[in-house]
Amino acid sequence: MEDEELEEIRRRKLEQLQREQMRAMQEEEMRRELEIQKAAILRRILTPEARTRLENIKMVRPEFASAIETQLIALAQAGRITSQITDAQLRELLKQLSSKKRDIRIRRI
């Protein structure tokens, strides 16, 4: 009787692990698909030089680059971007966004 109960517990645990693994695989596939769509939109709205600059920023400041990408994609989907964004335009945008950051200085008296 104990063997049957133990076997039932093992079976349930195995089923639970399989469901969790399947869910993780589905989430990974959805994330990968989202990244592919994001890259396609960025290829359409950015010139090659601007994409290169954004990739370089992503290596140094991934959160900042992700925020920029999200904003650019939102603007593109809203129809507010009519032509490709050049490297100079992207630099200006980056300058504007980075200047919003507060400069905190600590002074000793």
N, C-alpha and C. Protein backbone atom coordinates (compact mmCIF):
# COMPACT_ATOMS: atom_id res chain seq x y z
N MET A 1 0.82 -1.19 0.00
CA MET A 1 0.00 0.00 0.00
C MET A 1 0.86 1.26 0.00
N GLU A 2 1.91 1.28 0.81
CA GLU A 2 2.80 2.44 0.84
C GLU A 2 3.52 2.61 -0.50
N ASP A 3 3.85 1.49 -1.12
CA ASP A 3 4.51 1.55 -2.43
C ASP A 3 3.59 2.20 -3.47
N GLU A 4 2.31 1.87 -3.41
CA GLU A 4 1.36 2.45 -4.35
C GLU A 4 1.23 3.95 -4.13
N GLU A 5 1.17 4.36 -2.86
CA GLU A 5 1.07 5.78 -2.54
C GLU A 5 2.33 6.52 -2.98
N LEU A 6 3.47 5.92 -2.73
CA LEU A 6 4.73 6.53 -3.13
C LEU A 6 4.82 6.65 -4.65
N GLU A 7 4.39 5.62 -5.32
CA GLU A 7 4.38 5.63 -6.78
C GLU A 7 3.43 6.70 -7.32
N GLU A 8 2.28 6.85 -6.68
CA GLU A 8 1.32 7.89 -7.08
C GLU A 8 1.91 9.29 -6.87
N ILE A 9 2.59 9.51 -5.77
CA ILE A 9 3.23 10.80 -5.50
C ILE A 9 4.30 11.08 -6.54
N ARG A 10 5.10 10.08 -6.87
CA ARG A 10 6.13 10.25 -7.89
C ARG A 10 5.52 10.59 -9.25
N ARG A 11 4.42 9.90 -9.58
CA ARG A 11 3.76 10.13 -10.85
C ARG A 11 3.22 11.56 -10.93
N ARG A 12 2.59 12.03 -9.85
CA ARG A 12 2.06 13.40 -9.82
C ARG A 12 3.18 14.43 -9.93
N LYS A 13 4.25 14.17 -9.21
CA LYS A 13 5.39 15.08 -9.25
C LYS A 13 5.98 15.14 -10.65
N LEU A 14 6.11 14.00 -11.31
CA LEU A 14 6.63 13.95 -12.67
C LEU A 14 5.72 14.71 -13.63
N GLU A 15 4.40 14.53 -13.50
CA GLU A 15 3.46 15.26 -14.34
C GLU A 15 3.57 16.77 -14.11
N GLN A 16 3.73 17.17 -12.86
CA GLN A 16 3.87 18.59 -12.54
C GLN A 16 5.15 19.16 -13.17
N LEU A 17 6.23 18.44 -13.07
CA LEU A 17 7.49 18.89 -13.66
C LEU A 17 7.39 19.00 -15.18
N GLN A 18 6.69 18.04 -15.79
CA GLN A 18 6.52 18.08 -17.23
C GLN A 18 5.67 19.29 -17.65
N ARG A 19 4.62 19.60 -16.89
CA ARG A 19 3.79 20.77 -17.19
C ARG A 19 4.60 22.05 -17.05
N GLU A 20 5.41 22.15 -16.00
CA GLU A 20 6.25 23.33 -15.79
C GLU A 20 7.27 23.49 -16.91
N GLN A 21 7.86 22.38 -17.33
CA GLN A 21 8.83 22.43 -18.42
C GLN A 21 8.15 22.85 -19.72
N MET A 22 6.96 22.36 -19.99
CA MET A 22 6.23 22.73 -21.20
C MET A 22 5.88 24.21 -21.16
N ARG A 23 5.45 24.70 -20.00
CA ARG A 23 5.12 26.13 -19.86
C ARG A 23 6.36 26.99 -20.08
N ALA A 24 7.49 26.57 -19.54
CA ALA A 24 8.74 27.32 -19.72
C ALA A 24 9.15 27.34 -21.19
N MET A 25 8.98 26.23 -21.88
CA MET A 25 9.31 26.18 -23.29
C MET A 25 8.40 27.10 -24.10
N GLN A 26 7.11 27.14 -23.76
CA GLN A 26 6.18 28.02 -24.47
C GLN A 26 6.53 29.48 -24.22
N GLU A 27 6.87 29.82 -22.98
CA GLU A 27 7.26 31.19 -22.67
C GLU A 27 8.53 31.58 -23.42
N GLU A 28 9.48 30.68 -23.50
CA GLU A 28 10.72 30.95 -24.23
C GLU A 28 10.45 31.15 -25.71
N GLU A 29 9.56 30.35 -26.26
CA GLU A 29 9.20 30.48 -27.68
C GLU A 29 8.50 31.81 -27.94
N MET A 30 7.62 32.21 -27.03
CA MET A 30 6.93 33.50 -27.18
C MET A 30 7.93 34.65 -27.08
N ARG A 31 8.89 34.55 -26.16
CA ARG A 31 9.90 35.59 -26.00
C ARG A 31 10.75 35.68 -27.26
N ARG A 32 11.14 34.54 -27.80
CA ARG A 32 11.94 34.50 -29.02
C ARG A 32 11.17 35.11 -30.19
N GLU A 33 9.90 34.78 -30.31
CA GLU A 33 9.06 35.32 -31.38
C GLU A 33 8.91 36.83 -31.24
N LEU A 34 8.77 37.31 -30.02
CA LEU A 34 8.67 38.75 -29.77
C LEU A 34 9.96 39.46 -30.16
N GLU A 35 11.10 38.85 -29.85
CA GLU A 35 12.39 39.43 -30.22
C GLU A 35 12.56 39.50 -31.74
N ILE A 36 12.08 38.49 -32.44
CA ILE A 36 12.15 38.48 -33.90
C ILE A 36 11.30 39.61 -34.48
N GLN A 37 10.10 39.77 -33.95
CA GLN A 37 9.22 40.84 -34.42
C GLN A 37 9.83 42.22 -34.12
N LYS A 38 10.40 42.35 -32.92
CA LYS A 38 11.02 43.61 -32.53
C LYS A 38 12.18 43.95 -33.46
N ALA A 39 13.00 42.97 -33.77
CA ALA A 39 14.13 43.20 -34.67
C ALA A 39 13.66 43.59 -36.07
N ALA A 40 12.59 42.98 -36.53
CA ALA A 40 12.06 43.31 -37.86
C ALA A 40 11.55 44.75 -37.91
N ILE A 41 10.88 45.18 -36.87
CA ILE A 41 10.39 46.56 -36.84
C ILE A 41 11.56 47.53 -36.78
N LEU A 42 12.56 47.22 -35.96
CA LEU A 42 13.72 48.11 -35.85
C LEU A 42 14.49 48.18 -37.17
N ARG A 43 14.57 47.06 -37.90
CA ARG A 43 15.23 47.07 -39.21
C ARG A 43 14.49 47.99 -40.17
N ARG A 44 13.18 48.03 -40.02
CA ARG A 44 12.38 48.85 -40.92
C ARG A 44 12.48 50.34 -40.59
N ILE A 45 12.61 50.70 -39.31
CA ILE A 45 12.56 52.12 -38.94
C ILE A 45 13.93 52.75 -38.71
N LEU A 46 14.99 51.95 -38.62
CA LEU A 46 16.33 52.49 -38.37
C LEU A 46 17.25 52.22 -39.56
N THR A 47 18.12 53.18 -39.85
CA THR A 47 19.14 52.94 -40.86
C THR A 47 20.17 51.98 -40.28
N PRO A 48 20.99 51.34 -41.11
CA PRO A 48 22.00 50.41 -40.60
C PRO A 48 22.94 51.05 -39.57
N GLU A 49 23.31 52.30 -39.79
CA GLU A 49 24.21 52.97 -38.85
C GLU A 49 23.52 53.18 -37.50
N ALA A 50 22.26 53.55 -37.53
CA ALA A 50 21.50 53.76 -36.29
C ALA A 50 21.31 52.44 -35.55
N ARG A 51 21.06 51.36 -36.29
CA ARG A 51 20.93 50.04 -35.65
C ARG A 51 22.24 49.63 -34.99
N THR A 52 23.35 49.90 -35.66
CA THR A 52 24.66 49.58 -35.09
C THR A 52 24.88 50.36 -33.79
N ARG A 53 24.54 51.64 -33.80
CA ARG A 53 24.69 52.46 -32.60
C ARG A 53 23.82 51.90 -31.47
N LEU A 54 22.60 51.53 -31.78
CA LEU A 54 21.69 50.99 -30.77
C LEU A 54 22.22 49.66 -30.22
N GLU A 55 22.80 48.82 -31.07
CA GLU A 55 23.39 47.57 -30.61
C GLU A 55 24.58 47.83 -29.70
N ASN A 56 25.39 48.84 -30.02
CA ASN A 56 26.52 49.19 -29.15
C ASN A 56 26.03 49.68 -27.80
N ILE A 57 24.98 50.46 -27.80
CA ILE A 57 24.42 50.94 -26.53
C ILE A 57 23.86 49.77 -25.73
N LYS A 58 23.28 48.81 -26.43
CA LYS A 58 22.70 47.64 -25.76
C LYS A 58 23.77 46.84 -25.01
N MET A 59 24.98 46.83 -25.54
CA MET A 59 26.06 46.10 -24.86
C MET A 59 26.47 46.80 -23.57
N VAL A 60 26.40 48.12 -23.56
CA VAL A 60 26.84 48.89 -22.39
C VAL A 60 25.71 49.12 -21.40
N ARG A 61 24.55 49.51 -21.91
CA ARG A 61 23.41 49.83 -21.05
C ARG A 61 22.17 49.12 -21.59
N PRO A 62 22.01 47.83 -21.31
CA PRO A 62 20.90 47.07 -21.89
C PRO A 62 19.52 47.60 -21.53
N GLU A 63 19.33 48.08 -20.30
CA GLU A 63 18.02 48.58 -19.90
C GLU A 63 17.66 49.85 -20.68
N PHE A 64 18.63 50.73 -20.82
CA PHE A 64 18.42 51.98 -21.55
C PHE A 64 18.10 51.68 -23.02
N ALA A 65 18.86 50.78 -23.62
CA ALA A 65 18.64 50.42 -25.02
C ALA A 65 17.26 49.77 -25.20
N SER A 66 16.88 48.95 -24.25
CA SER A 66 15.56 48.32 -24.33
C SER A 66 14.45 49.35 -24.24
N ALA A 67 14.63 50.35 -23.39
CA ALA A 67 13.64 51.42 -23.27
C ALA A 67 13.55 52.21 -24.58
N ILE A 68 14.69 52.48 -25.18
CA ILE A 68 14.72 53.20 -26.46
C ILE A 68 14.00 52.39 -27.53
N GLU A 69 14.32 51.10 -27.61
CA GLU A 69 13.68 50.24 -28.60
C GLU A 69 12.17 50.22 -28.42
N THR A 70 11.73 50.12 -27.18
CA THR A 70 10.29 50.09 -26.90
C THR A 70 9.63 51.38 -27.34
N GLN A 71 10.27 52.50 -27.05
CA GLN A 71 9.71 53.79 -27.46
C GLN A 71 9.66 53.92 -28.97
N LEU A 72 10.73 53.52 -29.64
CA LEU A 72 10.76 53.60 -31.11
C LEU A 72 9.68 52.72 -31.73
N ILE A 73 9.52 51.52 -31.20
CA ILE A 73 8.50 50.61 -31.73
C ILE A 73 7.11 51.18 -31.50
N ALA A 74 6.88 51.76 -30.33
CA ALA A 74 5.57 52.35 -30.04
C ALA A 74 5.28 53.50 -30.99
N LEU A 75 6.29 54.33 -31.25
CA LEU A 75 6.11 55.44 -32.19
C LEU A 75 5.82 54.92 -33.60
N ALA A 76 6.52 53.88 -33.99
CA ALA A 76 6.32 53.30 -35.33
C ALA A 76 4.92 52.71 -35.45
N GLN A 77 4.47 52.02 -34.43
CA GLN A 77 3.15 51.41 -34.48
C GLN A 77 2.04 52.45 -34.45
N ALA A 78 2.33 53.60 -33.83
CA ALA A 78 1.35 54.69 -33.79
C ALA A 78 1.36 55.50 -35.08
N GLY A 79 2.32 55.22 -35.96
CA GLY A 79 2.40 55.92 -37.24
C GLY A 79 3.09 57.27 -37.15
N ARG A 80 3.82 57.50 -36.08
CA ARG A 80 4.47 58.80 -35.90
C ARG A 80 5.86 58.84 -36.53
N ILE A 81 6.36 57.70 -36.98
CA ILE A 81 7.64 57.65 -37.68
C ILE A 81 7.32 57.40 -39.15
N THR A 82 7.63 58.38 -39.97
CA THR A 82 7.27 58.27 -41.38
C THR A 82 8.44 57.83 -42.26
N SER A 83 9.67 58.10 -41.82
CA SER A 83 10.84 57.67 -42.59
C SER A 83 11.84 57.03 -41.63
N GLN A 84 12.87 56.42 -42.20
CA GLN A 84 13.87 55.78 -41.36
C GLN A 84 14.61 56.80 -40.52
N ILE A 85 14.92 56.40 -39.29
CA ILE A 85 15.67 57.26 -38.38
C ILE A 85 17.15 57.06 -38.67
N THR A 86 17.83 58.17 -38.91
CA THR A 86 19.26 58.11 -39.21
C THR A 86 20.07 58.08 -37.91
N ASP A 87 21.36 57.86 -38.07
CA ASP A 87 22.25 57.84 -36.91
C ASP A 87 22.24 59.19 -36.20
N ALA A 88 22.26 60.27 -36.94
CA ALA A 88 22.25 61.61 -36.34
C ALA A 88 20.96 61.85 -35.56
N GLN A 89 19.84 61.42 -36.11
CA GLN A 89 18.57 61.58 -35.41
C GLN A 89 18.54 60.74 -34.14
N LEU A 90 19.07 59.54 -34.22
CA LEU A 90 19.11 58.67 -33.04
C LEU A 90 20.01 59.28 -31.97
N ARG A 91 21.16 59.83 -32.38
CA ARG A 91 22.04 60.48 -31.40
C ARG A 91 21.34 61.63 -30.71
N GLU A 92 20.58 62.42 -31.47
CA GLU A 92 19.84 63.54 -30.88
C GLU A 92 18.79 63.03 -29.90
N LEU A 93 18.10 61.98 -30.27
CA LEU A 93 17.10 61.37 -29.39
C LEU A 93 17.75 60.86 -28.11
N LEU A 94 18.88 60.20 -28.26
CA LEU A 94 19.60 59.68 -27.10
C LEU A 94 20.07 60.82 -26.19
N LYS A 95 20.51 61.89 -26.80
CA LYS A 95 20.96 63.05 -26.03
C LYS A 95 19.81 63.63 -25.22
N GLN A 96 18.64 63.73 -25.85
CA GLN A 96 17.47 64.26 -25.15
C GLN A 96 17.05 63.35 -24.00
N LEU A 97 17.06 62.06 -24.25
CA LEU A 97 16.62 61.13 -23.21
C LEU A 97 17.62 61.03 -22.07
N SER A 98 18.89 61.09 -22.38
CA SER A 98 19.88 60.98 -21.31
C SER A 98 19.97 62.26 -20.51
N SER A 99 19.57 63.41 -21.09
CA SER A 99 19.62 64.66 -20.34
C SER A 99 18.48 64.75 -19.33
N LYS A 100 17.47 63.91 -19.48
CA LYS A 100 16.38 63.88 -18.51
C LYS A 100 16.81 63.30 -17.18
N LYS A 101 17.90 62.59 -17.22
CA LYS A 101 18.42 61.96 -16.01
C LYS A 101 18.93 63.05 -15.07
N ARG A 102 18.56 62.94 -13.82
CA ARG A 102 18.99 63.95 -12.86
C ARG A 102 20.45 63.74 -12.50
N ASP A 103 21.14 64.85 -12.36
CA ASP A 103 22.54 64.82 -11.96
C ASP A 103 22.59 65.02 -10.46
N ILE A 104 22.97 63.99 -9.73
CA ILE A 104 22.99 64.05 -8.28
C ILE A 104 24.44 64.24 -7.83
N ARG A 105 24.63 65.28 -7.06
CA ARG A 105 25.96 65.54 -6.54
C ARG A 105 25.89 65.66 -5.03
N ILE A 106 26.87 65.10 -4.38
CA ILE A 106 26.94 65.17 -2.93
C ILE A 106 28.08 66.11 -2.58
N ARG A 107 27.75 67.13 -1.80
CA ARG A 107 28.76 68.10 -1.38
C ARG A 107 29.04 67.92 0.10
N ARG A 108 30.28 67.93 0.42
CA ARG A 108 30.66 67.86 1.83
C ARG A 108 30.91 69.27 2.35
N ILE A 109 30.44 69.48 3.51
CA ILE A 109 30.60 70.81 4.12
C ILE A 109 31.63 70.75 5.23
